[in-house]
Structure formats: C-alpha cells, structure tokens
C-alpha cells in the first residue's frame, strides 16, 4: 500500500510503465515480486540531468541518497564545474516528478530535469 500511494499517478488504464522490484523467495512458497518503484515507460531513452555548479556540489551526498531511495531505469548525469559526470547504472532512478521536485527543493533552484 505504501508503494501504491507513491506511484498512483503512474498507474492508469492502458498505460505502459517501467517497474523495478525485488524477488521474495522463501522455501515452500511461491516466488513473489515486491514492487519498489514504477515510472512511465518511454521508448525514447530518458536521462535525469542534475545541475550542481559552484558550492552546490556539496549537496551531492543528499541528492545521491534521495536518488537511491527512488530506484528505476532512468540514468543520472551530474552537470558541474568539472563537466558532465554519468552515474553508474546502479544509481538509476525513476525520474518521477516527485523526485525532481525533491531535488529542486534541496538545491533551492530548478536543478533537475528529464531530457530525452
């Protein structure tokens, strides 16, 4: 129920969504898939770009924790004074509007955007 309330805006009739979850395997029971995140599926490759220039690079640890708590299939790229840094695929996120809003709130400006 917690996850469903978070992804309610993604789940709609006839929508194609990307799901991320984990297997729950117990002896003498059927295997279960535990849903962790869902995001709208796009046939075009989407990437989450986060801009952290100057002193804002110190916000990276907070943003990383936030992204890791919102797993998905969208790659993450950090744009900073050093150039563009692509996160490894273990840090992929859902790219949800909620996540983008939370990143922007931490930064205090429009720092995150999905680009195709």
PDB file of N, CA and C in Angstrom:
ATOM      1  N   UNK A   1       0.800  -1.224   0.000  1.00  0.00           N
ATOM      2  CA  UNK A   1       0.000   0.000   0.000  1.00  0.00           C
ATOM      3  C   UNK A   1       0.839   1.284   0.000  1.00  0.00           C
ATOM      4  N   UNK A   2       2.000   1.279   0.702  1.00  0.00           N
ATOM      5  CA  UNK A   2       2.859   2.469   0.709  1.00  0.00           C
ATOM      6  C   UNK A   2       3.347   2.790  -0.694  1.00  0.00           C
ATOM      7  N   UNK A   3       3.831   1.783  -1.387  1.00  0.00           N
ATOM      8  CA  UNK A   3       4.360   1.977  -2.737  1.00  0.00           C
ATOM      9  C   UNK A   3       3.244   2.409  -3.678  1.00  0.00           C
ATOM     10  N   UNK A   4       2.082   1.790  -3.570  1.00  0.00           N
ATOM     11  CA  UNK A   4       0.983   2.150  -4.459  1.00  0.00           C
ATOM     12  C   UNK A   4       0.587   3.610  -4.302  1.00  0.00           C
ATOM     13  N   UNK A   5       0.629   4.132  -3.090  1.00  0.00           N
ATOM     14  CA  UNK A   5       0.285   5.545  -2.907  1.00  0.00           C
ATOM     15  C   UNK A   5       1.327   6.462  -3.549  1.00  0.00           C
ATOM     16  N   UNK A   6       2.591   6.024  -3.587  1.00  0.00           N
ATOM     17  CA  UNK A   6       3.656   6.818  -4.206  1.00  0.00           C
ATOM     18  C   UNK A   6       3.575   6.811  -5.729  1.00  0.00           C
ATOM     19  N   UNK A   7       3.100   5.701  -6.297  1.00  0.00           N
ATOM     20  CA  UNK A   7       3.110   5.574  -7.755  1.00  0.00           C
ATOM     21  C   UNK A   7       1.724   5.708  -8.359  1.00  0.00           C
ATOM     22  N   UNK A   8       0.771   6.133  -7.580  1.00  0.00           N
ATOM     23  CA  UNK A   8      -0.612   6.242  -8.024  1.00  0.00           C
ATOM     24  C   UNK A   8      -0.745   7.049  -9.312  1.00  0.00           C
ATOM     25  N   UNK A   9       0.035   8.106  -9.474  1.00  0.00           N
ATOM     26  CA  UNK A   9      -0.070   8.951 -10.664  1.00  0.00           C
ATOM     27  C   UNK A   9       0.468   8.256 -11.912  1.00  0.00           C
ATOM     28  N   UNK A  10       1.264   7.215 -11.754  1.00  0.00           N
ATOM     29  CA  UNK A  10       1.857   6.490 -12.881  1.00  0.00           C
ATOM     30  C   UNK A  10       0.916   5.402 -13.389  1.00  0.00           C
ATOM     31  N   UNK A  11       0.185   4.783 -12.469  1.00  0.00           N
ATOM     32  CA  UNK A  11      -0.661   3.651 -12.809  1.00  0.00           C
ATOM     33  C   UNK A  11      -2.016   4.153 -13.300  1.00  0.00           C
ATOM     34  N   UNK A  12      -2.288   3.885 -14.565  1.00  0.00           N
ATOM     35  CA  UNK A  12      -3.592   4.206 -15.122  1.00  0.00           C
ATOM     36  C   UNK A  12      -3.922   3.183 -16.202  1.00  0.00           C
ATOM     37  N   UNK A  13      -5.164   3.096 -16.564  1.00  0.00           N
ATOM     38  CA  UNK A  13      -5.601   2.104 -17.540  1.00  0.00           C
ATOM     39  C   UNK A  13      -4.867   2.272 -18.867  1.00  0.00           C
ATOM     40  N   UNK A  14      -4.402   1.162 -19.405  1.00  0.00           N
ATOM     41  CA  UNK A  14      -3.686   1.080 -20.686  1.00  0.00           C
ATOM     42  C   UNK A  14      -2.338   1.795 -20.701  1.00  0.00           C
ATOM     43  N   UNK A  15      -1.820   2.188 -19.563  1.00  0.00           N
ATOM     44  CA  UNK A  15      -0.506   2.836 -19.506  1.00  0.00           C
ATOM     45  C   UNK A  15       0.586   1.773 -19.514  1.00  0.00           C
ATOM     46  N   UNK A  16       1.685   2.090 -20.159  1.00  0.00           N
ATOM     47  CA  UNK A  16       2.852   1.215 -20.130  1.00  0.00           C
ATOM     48  C   UNK A  16       3.813   1.819 -19.111  1.00  0.00           C
ATOM     49  N   UNK A  17       4.217   1.012 -18.142  1.00  0.00           N
ATOM     50  CA  UNK A  17       5.092   1.513 -17.088  1.00  0.00           C
ATOM     51  C   UNK A  17       6.325   0.632 -16.950  1.00  0.00           C
ATOM     52  N   UNK A  18       7.405   1.244 -16.497  1.00  0.00           N
ATOM     53  CA  UNK A  18       8.628   0.507 -16.172  1.00  0.00           C
ATOM     54  C   UNK A  18       8.578   0.206 -14.683  1.00  0.00           C
ATOM     55  N   UNK A  19       8.731  -1.057 -14.332  1.00  0.00           N
ATOM     56  CA  UNK A  19       8.661  -1.477 -12.932  1.00  0.00           C
ATOM     57  C   UNK A  19      10.032  -1.907 -12.449  1.00  0.00           C
ATOM     58  N   UNK A  20      10.296  -1.638 -11.179  1.00  0.00           N
ATOM     59  CA  UNK A  20      11.542  -2.074 -10.554  1.00  0.00           C
ATOM     60  C   UNK A  20      11.152  -2.710  -9.230  1.00  0.00           C
ATOM     61  N   UNK A  21      11.690  -3.875  -8.977  1.00  0.00           N
ATOM     62  CA  UNK A  21      11.336  -4.560  -7.743  1.00  0.00           C
ATOM     63  C   UNK A  21      12.384  -5.585  -7.366  1.00  0.00           C
ATOM     64  N   UNK A  22      12.022  -6.424  -6.433  1.00  0.00           N
ATOM     65  CA  UNK A  22      12.934  -7.464  -5.995  1.00  0.00           C
ATOM     66  C   UNK A  22      12.136  -8.755  -5.811  1.00  0.00           C
ATOM     67  N   UNK A  23      12.846  -9.867  -5.884  1.00  0.00           N
ATOM     68  CA  UNK A  23      12.212 -11.167  -5.692  1.00  0.00           C
ATOM     69  C   UNK A  23      12.210 -11.523  -4.213  1.00  0.00           C
ATOM     70  N   UNK A  24      11.101 -12.085  -3.773  1.00  0.00           N
ATOM     71  CA  UNK A  24      10.983 -12.595  -2.413  1.00  0.00           C
ATOM     72  C   UNK A  24      10.843 -14.110  -2.545  1.00  0.00           C
ATOM     73  N   UNK A  25      11.935 -14.816  -2.239  1.00  0.00           N
ATOM     74  CA  UNK A  25      11.963 -16.267  -2.412  1.00  0.00           C
ATOM     75  C   UNK A  25      12.054 -16.918  -1.037  1.00  0.00           C
ATOM     76  N   UNK A  26      11.047 -17.723  -0.748  1.00  0.00           N
ATOM     77  CA  UNK A  26      11.035 -18.466   0.519  1.00  0.00           C
ATOM     78  C   UNK A  26      10.745 -19.927   0.208  1.00  0.00           C
ATOM     79  N   UNK A  27      11.398 -20.777   0.953  1.00  0.00           N
ATOM     80  CA  UNK A  27      11.224 -22.207   0.750  1.00  0.00           C
ATOM     81  C   UNK A  27       9.758 -22.585   0.966  1.00  0.00           C
ATOM     82  N   UNK A  28       9.247 -23.463   0.105  1.00  0.00           N
ATOM     83  CA  UNK A  28       7.872 -23.969   0.170  1.00  0.00           C
ATOM     84  C   UNK A  28       6.808 -22.898  -0.077  1.00  0.00           C
ATOM     85  N   UNK A  29       7.181 -21.770  -0.697  1.00  0.00           N
ATOM     86  CA  UNK A  29       6.210 -20.735  -1.061  1.00  0.00           C
ATOM     87  C   UNK A  29       6.449 -20.321  -2.501  1.00  0.00           C
ATOM     88  N   UNK A  30       5.423 -19.786  -3.111  1.00  0.00           N
ATOM     89  CA  UNK A  30       5.584 -19.240  -4.459  1.00  0.00           C
ATOM     90  C   UNK A  30       6.482 -18.015  -4.405  1.00  0.00           C
ATOM     91  N   UNK A  31       7.248 -17.818  -5.469  1.00  0.00           N
ATOM     92  CA  UNK A  31       8.098 -16.630  -5.567  1.00  0.00           C
ATOM     93  C   UNK A  31       7.194 -15.407  -5.724  1.00  0.00           C
ATOM     94  N   UNK A  32       7.525 -14.339  -4.999  1.00  0.00           N
ATOM     95  CA  UNK A  32       6.764 -13.093  -5.093  1.00  0.00           C
ATOM     96  C   UNK A  32       7.674 -12.005  -5.649  1.00  0.00           C
ATOM     97  N   UNK A  33       7.085 -11.085  -6.383  1.00  0.00           N
ATOM     98  CA  UNK A  33       7.808  -9.906  -6.835  1.00  0.00           C
ATOM     99  C   UNK A  33       7.323  -8.736  -5.993  1.00  0.00           C
ATOM    100  N   UNK A  34       8.239  -8.095  -5.295  1.00  0.00           N
ATOM    101  CA  UNK A  34       7.917  -6.963  -4.441  1.00  0.00           C
ATOM    102  C   UNK A  34       8.213  -5.683  -5.216  1.00  0.00           C
ATOM    103  N   UNK A  35       7.184  -4.930  -5.535  1.00  0.00           N
ATOM    104  CA  UNK A  35       7.326  -3.700  -6.298  1.00  0.00           C
ATOM    105  C   UNK A  35       7.985  -2.623  -5.443  1.00  0.00           C
ATOM    106  N   UNK A  36       9.018  -1.962  -5.998  1.00  0.00           N
ATOM    107  CA  UNK A  36       9.695  -0.877  -5.293  1.00  0.00           C
ATOM    108  C   UNK A  36       9.436   0.474  -5.935  1.00  0.00           C
ATOM    109  N   UNK A  37       9.431   0.544  -7.264  1.00  0.00           N
ATOM    110  CA  UNK A  37       9.120   1.789  -7.964  1.00  0.00           C
ATOM    111  C   UNK A  37       8.461   1.491  -9.304  1.00  0.00           C
ATOM    112  N   UNK A  38       7.791   2.497  -9.819  1.00  0.00           N
ATOM    113  CA  UNK A  38       7.213   2.430 -11.158  1.00  0.00           C
ATOM    114  C   UNK A  38       7.316   3.816 -11.764  1.00  0.00           C
ATOM    115  N   UNK A  39       7.559   3.850 -13.066  1.00  0.00           N
ATOM    116  CA  UNK A  39       7.678   5.123 -13.768  1.00  0.00           C
ATOM    117  C   UNK A  39       7.072   4.949 -15.153  1.00  0.00           C
ATOM    118  N   UNK A  40       6.594   6.039 -15.736  1.00  0.00           N
ATOM    119  CA  UNK A  40       6.075   5.921 -17.105  1.00  0.00           C
ATOM    120  C   UNK A  40       7.166   5.379 -18.019  1.00  0.00           C
ATOM    121  N   UNK A  41       6.802   4.464 -18.886  1.00  0.00           N
ATOM    122  CA  UNK A  41       7.766   3.888 -19.820  1.00  0.00           C
ATOM    123  C   UNK A  41       7.802   4.730 -21.078  1.00  0.00           C
ATOM    124  N   UNK A  42       8.991   4.981 -21.558  1.00  0.00           N
ATOM    125  CA  UNK A  42       9.168   5.713 -22.798  1.00  0.00           C
ATOM    126  C   UNK A  42      10.089   4.905 -23.695  1.00  0.00           C
ATOM    127  N   UNK A  43       9.729   4.809 -24.961  1.00  0.00           N
ATOM    128  CA  UNK A  43      10.594   4.074 -25.880  1.00  0.00           C
ATOM    129  C   UNK A  43      11.845   4.876 -26.192  1.00  0.00           C
ATOM    130  N   UNK A  44      11.806   6.178 -25.912  1.00  0.00           N
ATOM    131  CA  UNK A  44      12.991   7.007 -26.091  1.00  0.00           C
ATOM    132  C   UNK A  44      13.796   6.975 -24.795  1.00  0.00           C
ATOM    133  N   UNK A  45      15.089   6.990 -24.912  1.00  0.00           N
ATOM    134  CA  UNK A  45      15.961   6.979 -23.741  1.00  0.00           C
ATOM    135  C   UNK A  45      15.842   8.310 -23.000  1.00  0.00           C
ATOM    136  N   UNK A  46      15.506   8.256 -21.737  1.00  0.00           N
ATOM    137  CA  UNK A  46      15.429   9.446 -20.896  1.00  0.00           C
ATOM    138  C   UNK A  46      16.604   9.449 -19.942  1.00  0.00           C
ATOM    139  N   UNK A  47      17.059  10.635 -19.584  1.00  0.00           N
ATOM    140  CA  UNK A  47      18.146  10.782 -18.619  1.00  0.00           C
ATOM    141  C   UNK A  47      17.781  11.906 -17.665  1.00  0.00           C
ATOM    142  N   UNK A  48      18.080  11.713 -16.388  1.00  0.00           N
ATOM    143  CA  UNK A  48      17.893  12.770 -15.403  1.00  0.00           C
ATOM    144  C   UNK A  48      19.186  13.569 -15.318  1.00  0.00           C
ATOM    145  N   UNK A  49      19.106  14.843 -15.648  1.00  0.00           N
ATOM    146  CA  UNK A  49      20.250  15.745 -15.535  1.00  0.00           C
ATOM    147  C   UNK A  49      20.073  16.602 -14.291  1.00  0.00           C
ATOM    148  N   UNK A  50      21.143  16.686 -13.485  1.00  0.00           N
ATOM    149  CA  UNK A  50      21.127  17.489 -12.266  1.00  0.00           C
ATOM    150  C   UNK A  50      22.285  18.479 -12.349  1.00  0.00           C
ATOM    151  N   UNK A  51      21.971  19.767 -12.252  1.00  0.00           N
ATOM    152  CA  UNK A  51      22.993  20.807 -12.340  1.00  0.00           C
ATOM    153  C   UNK A  51      23.417  21.249 -10.943  1.00  0.00           C
ATOM    154  N   UNK A  52      24.709  21.094 -10.647  1.00  0.00           N
ATOM    155  CA  UNK A  52      25.277  21.438  -9.333  1.00  0.00           C
ATOM    156  C   UNK A  52      26.562  22.247  -9.542  1.00  0.00           C
ATOM    157  N   UNK A  53      26.436  23.514  -9.770  1.00  0.00           N
ATOM    158  CA  UNK A  53      27.605  24.352 -10.018  1.00  0.00           C
ATOM    159  C   UNK A  53      28.073  25.032  -8.733  1.00  0.00           C
ATOM    160  N   UNK A  54      29.368  25.347  -8.694  1.00  0.00           N
ATOM    161  CA  UNK A  54      29.953  26.066  -7.555  1.00  0.00           C
ATOM    162  C   UNK A  54      29.818  25.290  -6.265  1.00  0.00           C
ATOM    163  N   UNK A  55      29.441  25.984  -5.207  1.00  0.00           N
ATOM    164  CA  UNK A  55      29.310  25.387  -3.868  1.00  0.00           C
ATOM    165  C   UNK A  55      28.217  24.321  -3.791  1.00  0.00           C
ATOM    166  N   UNK A  56      27.305  24.316  -4.737  1.00  0.00           N
ATOM    167  CA  UNK A  56      26.195  23.359  -4.693  1.00  0.00           C
ATOM    168  C   UNK A  56      26.649  21.918  -4.876  1.00  0.00           C
ATOM    169  N   UNK A  57      27.869  21.696  -5.326  1.00  0.00           N
ATOM    170  CA  UNK A  57      28.375  20.333  -5.473  1.00  0.00           C
ATOM    171  C   UNK A  57      28.367  19.595  -4.126  1.00  0.00           C
ATOM    172  N   UNK A  58      28.398  20.355  -3.021  1.00  0.00           N
ATOM    173  CA  UNK A  58      28.369  19.739  -1.692  1.00  0.00           C
ATOM    174  C   UNK A  58      27.007  19.136  -1.347  1.00  0.00           C
ATOM    175  N   UNK A  59      26.002  19.403  -2.173  1.00  0.00           N
ATOM    176  CA  UNK A  59      24.683  18.815  -1.969  1.00  0.00           C
ATOM    177  C   UNK A  59      24.588  17.405  -2.558  1.00  0.00           C
ATOM    178  N   UNK A  60      25.644  16.973  -3.212  1.00  0.00           N
ATOM    179  CA  UNK A  60      25.633  15.700  -3.932  1.00  0.00           C
ATOM    180  C   UNK A  60      25.294  14.512  -3.035  1.00  0.00           C
ATOM    181  N   UNK A  61      25.811  14.464  -1.821  1.00  0.00           N
ATOM    182  CA  UNK A  61      25.510  13.335  -0.927  1.00  0.00           C
ATOM    183  C   UNK A  61      24.017  13.251  -0.608  1.00  0.00           C
ATOM    184  N   UNK A  62      23.391  14.395  -0.339  1.00  0.00           N
ATOM    185  CA  UNK A  62      21.949  14.408  -0.053  1.00  0.00           C
ATOM    186  C   UNK A  62      21.159  13.948  -1.275  1.00  0.00           C
ATOM    187  N   UNK A  63      21.565  14.436  -2.439  1.00  0.00           N
ATOM    188  CA  UNK A  63      20.863  14.076  -3.671  1.00  0.00           C
ATOM    189  C   UNK A  63      21.063  12.605  -3.986  1.00  0.00           C
ATOM    190  N   UNK A  64      22.260  12.096  -3.774  1.00  0.00           N
ATOM    191  CA  UNK A  64      22.539  10.679  -4.025  1.00  0.00           C
ATOM    192  C   UNK A  64      21.632   9.797  -3.172  1.00  0.00           C
ATOM    193  N   UNK A  65      21.485  10.118  -1.898  1.00  0.00           N
ATOM    194  CA  UNK A  65      20.611   9.337  -1.015  1.00  0.00           C
ATOM    195  C   UNK A  65      19.173   9.360  -1.516  1.00  0.00           C
ATOM    196  N   UNK A  66      18.738  10.514  -1.957  1.00  0.00           N
ATOM    197  CA  UNK A  66      17.379  10.664  -2.474  1.00  0.00           C
ATOM    198  C   UNK A  66      17.176   9.823  -3.730  1.00  0.00           C
ATOM    199  N   UNK A  67      18.130   9.892  -4.649  1.00  0.00           N
ATOM    200  CA  UNK A  67      18.044   9.121  -5.897  1.00  0.00           C
ATOM    201  C   UNK A  67      18.070   7.619  -5.599  1.00  0.00           C
ATOM    202  N   UNK A  68      18.910   7.189  -4.684  1.00  0.00           N
ATOM    203  CA  UNK A  68      18.985   5.764  -4.344  1.00  0.00           C
ATOM    204  C   UNK A  68      17.703   5.240  -3.708  1.00  0.00           C
ATOM    205  N   UNK A  69      16.933   6.124  -3.100  1.00  0.00           N
ATOM    206  CA  UNK A  69      15.677   5.695  -2.483  1.00  0.00           C
ATOM    207  C   UNK A  69      14.533   5.677  -3.498  1.00  0.00           C
ATOM    208  N   UNK A  70      14.811   6.064  -4.743  1.00  0.00           N
ATOM    209  CA  UNK A  70      13.781   6.159  -5.779  1.00  0.00           C
ATOM    210  C   UNK A  70      14.245   5.413  -7.032  1.00  0.00           C
ATOM    211  N   UNK A  71      14.511   4.127  -6.870  1.00  0.00           N
ATOM    212  CA  UNK A  71      15.118   3.305  -7.930  1.00  0.00           C
ATOM    213  C   UNK A  71      14.237   3.221  -9.167  1.00  0.00           C
ATOM    214  N   UNK A  72      14.905   3.048 -10.311  1.00  0.00           N
ATOM    215  CA  UNK A  72      14.197   2.905 -11.576  1.00  0.00           C
ATOM    216  C   UNK A  72      15.175   2.629 -12.694  1.00  0.00           C
ATOM    217  N   UNK A  73      14.790   2.991 -13.919  1.00  0.00           N
ATOM    218  CA  UNK A  73      15.603   2.678 -15.089  1.00  0.00           C
ATOM    219  C   UNK A  73      16.191   3.913 -15.765  1.00  0.00           C
ATOM    220  N   UNK A  74      16.017   5.079 -15.174  1.00  0.00           N
ATOM    221  CA  UNK A  74      16.483   6.323 -15.792  1.00  0.00           C
ATOM    222  C   UNK A  74      17.913   6.632 -15.335  1.00  0.00           C
ATOM    223  N   UNK A  75      18.858   6.733 -16.282  1.00  0.00           N
ATOM    224  CA  UNK A  75      20.238   7.086 -15.915  1.00  0.00           C
ATOM    225  C   UNK A  75      20.322   8.505 -15.348  1.00  0.00           C
ATOM    226  N   UNK A  76      21.367   8.755 -14.560  1.00  0.00           N
ATOM    227  CA  UNK A  76      21.572  10.054 -13.921  1.00  0.00           C
ATOM    228  C   UNK A  76      22.894  10.656 -14.392  1.00  0.00           C
ATOM    229  N   UNK A  77      22.857  11.940 -14.766  1.00  0.00           N
ATOM    230  CA  UNK A  77      24.053  12.677 -15.159  1.00  0.00           C
ATOM    231  C   UNK A  77      24.111  13.945 -14.308  1.00  0.00           C
ATOM    232  N   UNK A  78      25.277  14.189 -13.700  1.00  0.00           N
ATOM    233  CA  UNK A  78      25.507  15.401 -12.920  1.00  0.00           C
ATOM    234  C   UNK A  78      26.278  16.382 -13.790  1.00  0.00           C
ATOM    235  N   UNK A  79      25.748  17.588 -13.929  1.00  0.00           N
ATOM    236  CA  UNK A  79      26.456  18.646 -14.650  1.00  0.00           C
ATOM    237  C   UNK A  79      27.030  19.584 -13.593  1.00  0.00           C
ATOM    238  N   UNK A  80      28.363  19.741 -13.607  1.00  0.00           N
ATOM    239  CA  UNK A  80      29.023  20.569 -12.605  1.00  0.00           C
ATOM    240  C   UNK A  80      30.186  21.323 -13.247  1.00  0.00           C
ATOM    241  N   UNK A  81      30.940  22.041 -12.431  1.00  0.00           N
ATOM    242  CA  UNK A  81      32.071  22.820 -12.931  1.00  0.00           C
ATOM    243  C   UNK A  81      33.108  21.949 -13.637  1.00  0.00           C
ATOM    244  N   UNK A  82      33.135  20.653 -13.312  1.00  0.00           N
ATOM    245  CA  UNK A  82      34.114  19.736 -13.882  1.00  0.00           C
ATOM    246  C   UNK A  82      33.639  19.117 -15.192  1.00  0.00           C
ATOM    247  N   UNK A  83      32.416  19.409 -15.607  1.00  0.00           N
ATOM    248  CA  UNK A  83      31.843  18.820 -16.812  1.00  0.00           C
ATOM    249  C   UNK A  83      30.641  17.966 -16.461  1.00  0.00           C
ATOM    250  N   UNK A  84      30.364  16.979 -17.287  1.00  0.00           N
ATOM    251  CA  UNK A  84      29.254  16.058 -17.045  1.00  0.00           C
ATOM    252  C   UNK A  84      29.793  14.744 -16.506  1.00  0.00           C
ATOM    253  N   UNK A  85      29.175  14.287 -15.424  1.00  0.00           N
ATOM    254  CA  UNK A  85      29.575  13.033 -14.792  1.00  0.00           C
ATOM    255  C   UNK A  85      28.385  12.087 -14.855  1.00  0.00           C
ATOM    256  N   UNK A  86      28.546  10.962 -15.541  1.00  0.00           N
ATOM    257  CA  UNK A  86      27.483   9.966 -15.629  1.00  0.00           C
ATOM    258  C   UNK A  86      27.603   9.007 -14.455  1.00  0.00           C
ATOM    259  N   UNK A  87      26.509   8.857 -13.724  1.00  0.00           N
ATOM    260  CA  UNK A  87      26.495   7.904 -12.622  1.00  0.00           C
ATOM    261  C   UNK A  87      26.442   6.493 -13.193  1.00  0.00           C
ATOM    262  N   UNK A  88      26.985   5.530 -12.456  1.00  0.00           N
ATOM    263  CA  UNK A  88      26.894   4.155 -12.958  1.00  0.00           C
ATOM    264  C   UNK A  88      25.449   3.674 -12.880  1.00  0.00           C
ATOM    265  N   UNK A  89      25.130   2.619 -13.595  1.00  0.00           N
ATOM    266  CA  UNK A  89      23.736   2.195 -13.713  1.00  0.00           C
ATOM    267  C   UNK A  89      23.128   1.654 -12.427  1.00  0.00           C
ATOM    268  N   UNK A  90      23.901   1.470 -11.376  1.00  0.00           N
ATOM    269  CA  UNK A  90      23.318   1.062 -10.096  1.00  0.00           C
ATOM    270  C   UNK A  90      22.637   2.236  -9.406  1.00  0.00           C
ATOM    271  N   UNK A  91      22.812   3.440  -9.947  1.00  0.00           N
ATOM    272  CA  UNK A  91      22.199   4.633  -9.361  1.00  0.00           C
ATOM    273  C   UNK A  91      21.050   5.139 -10.249  1.00  0.00           C
ATOM    274  N   UNK A  92      20.560   4.315 -11.164  1.00  0.00           N
ATOM    275  CA  UNK A  92      19.415   4.712 -11.974  1.00  0.00           C
ATOM    276  C   UNK A  92      18.209   4.984 -11.079  1.00  0.00           C
ATOM    277  N   UNK A  93      17.368   5.913 -11.511  1.00  0.00           N
ATOM    278  CA  UNK A  93      16.216   6.310 -10.704  1.00  0.00           C
ATOM    279  C   UNK A  93      14.941   6.216 -11.528  1.00  0.00           C
ATOM    280  N   UNK A  94      13.819   6.568 -10.919  1.00  0.00           N
ATOM    281  CA  UNK A  94      12.541   6.520 -11.623  1.00  0.00           C
ATOM    282  C   UNK A  94      12.344   7.731 -12.524  1.00  0.00           C
ATOM    283  N   UNK A  95      12.987   8.854 -12.175  1.00  0.00           N
ATOM    284  CA  UNK A  95      12.786  10.076 -12.945  1.00  0.00           C
ATOM    285  C   UNK A  95      11.431  10.708 -12.707  1.00  0.00           C
ATOM    286  N   UNK A  96      10.804  10.384 -11.604  1.00  0.00           N
ATOM    287  CA  UNK A  96       9.452  10.870 -11.323  1.00  0.00           C
ATOM    288  C   UNK A  96       9.438  12.370 -11.033  1.00  0.00           C
ATOM    289  N   UNK A  97       8.277  12.967 -11.228  1.00  0.00           N
ATOM    290  CA  UNK A  97       8.105  14.388 -10.912  1.00  0.00           C
ATOM    291  C   UNK A  97       8.371  14.651  -9.434  1.00  0.00           C
ATOM    292  N   UNK A  98       7.988  13.697  -8.587  1.00  0.00           N
ATOM    293  CA  UNK A  98       8.212  13.843  -7.146  1.00  0.00           C
ATOM    294  C   UNK A  98       9.704  13.926  -6.844  1.00  0.00           C
ATOM    295  N   UNK A  99      10.497  13.034  -7.467  1.00  0.00           N
ATOM    296  CA  UNK A  99      11.942  13.033  -7.254  1.00  0.00           C
ATOM    297  C   UNK A  99      12.551  14.351  -7.724  1.00  0.00           C
ATOM    298  N   UNK A 100      12.172  14.787  -8.913  1.00  0.00           N
ATOM    299  CA  UNK A 100      12.700  16.045  -9.455  1.00  0.00           C
ATOM    300  C   UNK A 100      12.360  17.203  -8.528  1.00  0.00           C
ATOM    301  N   UNK A 101      11.138  17.234  -8.018  1.00  0.00           N
ATOM    302  CA  UNK A 101      10.723  18.285  -7.086  1.00  0.00           C
ATOM    303  C   UNK A 101      11.535  18.273  -5.805  1.00  0.00           C
ATOM    304  N   UNK A 102      11.833  17.086  -5.291  1.00  0.00           N
ATOM    305  CA  UNK A 102      12.615  16.984  -4.059  1.00  0.00           C
ATOM    306  C   UNK A 102      14.062  17.428  -4.283  1.00  0.00           C
ATOM    307  N   UNK A 103      14.632  17.088  -5.445  1.00  0.00           N
ATOM    308  CA  UNK A 103      15.993  17.542  -5.759  1.00  0.00           C
ATOM    309  C   UNK A 103      16.024  19.063  -5.867  1.00  0.00           C
ATOM    310  N   UNK A 104      15.049  19.632  -6.568  1.00  0.00           N
ATOM    311  CA  UNK A 104      14.967  21.089  -6.704  1.00  0.00           C
ATOM    312  C   UNK A 104      14.813  21.768  -5.340  1.00  0.00           C
ATOM    313  N   UNK A 105      14.064  21.138  -4.452  1.00  0.00           N
ATOM    314  CA  UNK A 105      13.867  21.690  -3.104  1.00  0.00           C
ATOM    315  C   UNK A 105      15.183  21.701  -2.325  1.00  0.00           C
ATOM    316  N   UNK A 106      15.951  20.625  -2.410  1.00  0.00           N
ATOM    317  CA  UNK A 106      17.247  20.559  -1.729  1.00  0.00           C
ATOM    318  C   UNK A 106      18.185  21.641  -2.250  1.00  0.00           C
ATOM    319  N   UNK A 107      18.170  21.836  -3.567  1.00  0.00           N
ATOM    320  CA  UNK A 107      19.090  22.799  -4.191  1.00  0.00           C
ATOM    321  C   UNK A 107      18.618  24.246  -4.034  1.00  0.00           C
ATOM    322  N   UNK A 108      17.315  24.437  -3.915  1.00  0.00           N
ATOM    323  CA  UNK A 108      16.786  25.790  -3.802  1.00  0.00           C
ATOM    324  C   UNK A 108      16.611  26.469  -5.156  1.00  0.00           C
ATOM    325  N   UNK A 109      16.723  25.707  -6.214  1.00  0.00           N
ATOM    326  CA  UNK A 109      16.523  26.218  -7.572  1.00  0.00           C
ATOM    327  C   UNK A 109      16.185  25.044  -8.485  1.00  0.00           C
ATOM    328  N   UNK A 110      15.798  25.329  -9.719  1.00  0.00           N
ATOM    329  CA  UNK A 110      15.452  24.283 -10.689  1.00  0.00           C
ATOM    330  C   UNK A 110      16.740  23.604 -11.156  1.00  0.00           C
ATOM    331  N   UNK A 111      17.115  22.528 -10.474  1.00  0.00           N
ATOM    332  CA  UNK A 111      18.386  21.851 -10.730  1.00  0.00           C
ATOM    333  C   UNK A 111      18.241  20.575 -11.534  1.00  0.00           C
ATOM    334  N   UNK A 112      17.054  19.951 -11.492  1.00  0.00           N
ATOM    335  CA  UNK A 112      16.881  18.637 -12.108  1.00  0.00           C
ATOM    336  C   UNK A 112      15.871  18.690 -13.238  1.00  0.00           C
ATOM    337  N   UNK A 113      16.148  17.917 -14.289  1.00  0.00           N
ATOM    338  CA  UNK A 113      15.220  17.829 -15.422  1.00  0.00           C
ATOM    339  C   UNK A 113      15.460  16.532 -16.177  1.00  0.00           C
ATOM    340  N   UNK A 114      14.401  15.983 -16.708  1.00  0.00           N
ATOM    341  CA  UNK A 114      14.480  14.813 -17.565  1.00  0.00           C
ATOM    342  C   UNK A 114      14.649  15.301 -18.991  1.00  0.00           C
ATOM    343  N   UNK A 115      15.636  14.741 -19.681  1.00  0.00           N
ATOM    344  CA  UNK A 115      15.868  15.082 -21.088  1.00  0.00           C
ATOM    345  C   UNK A 115      15.958  13.788 -21.877  1.00  0.00           C
ATOM    346  N   UNK A 116      15.462  13.826 -23.074  1.00  0.00           N
ATOM    347  CA  UNK A 116      15.499  12.641 -23.956  1.00  0.00           C
ATOM    348  C   UNK A 116      16.566  12.801 -24.984  1.00  0.00           C
TER     349      UNK A 116
END
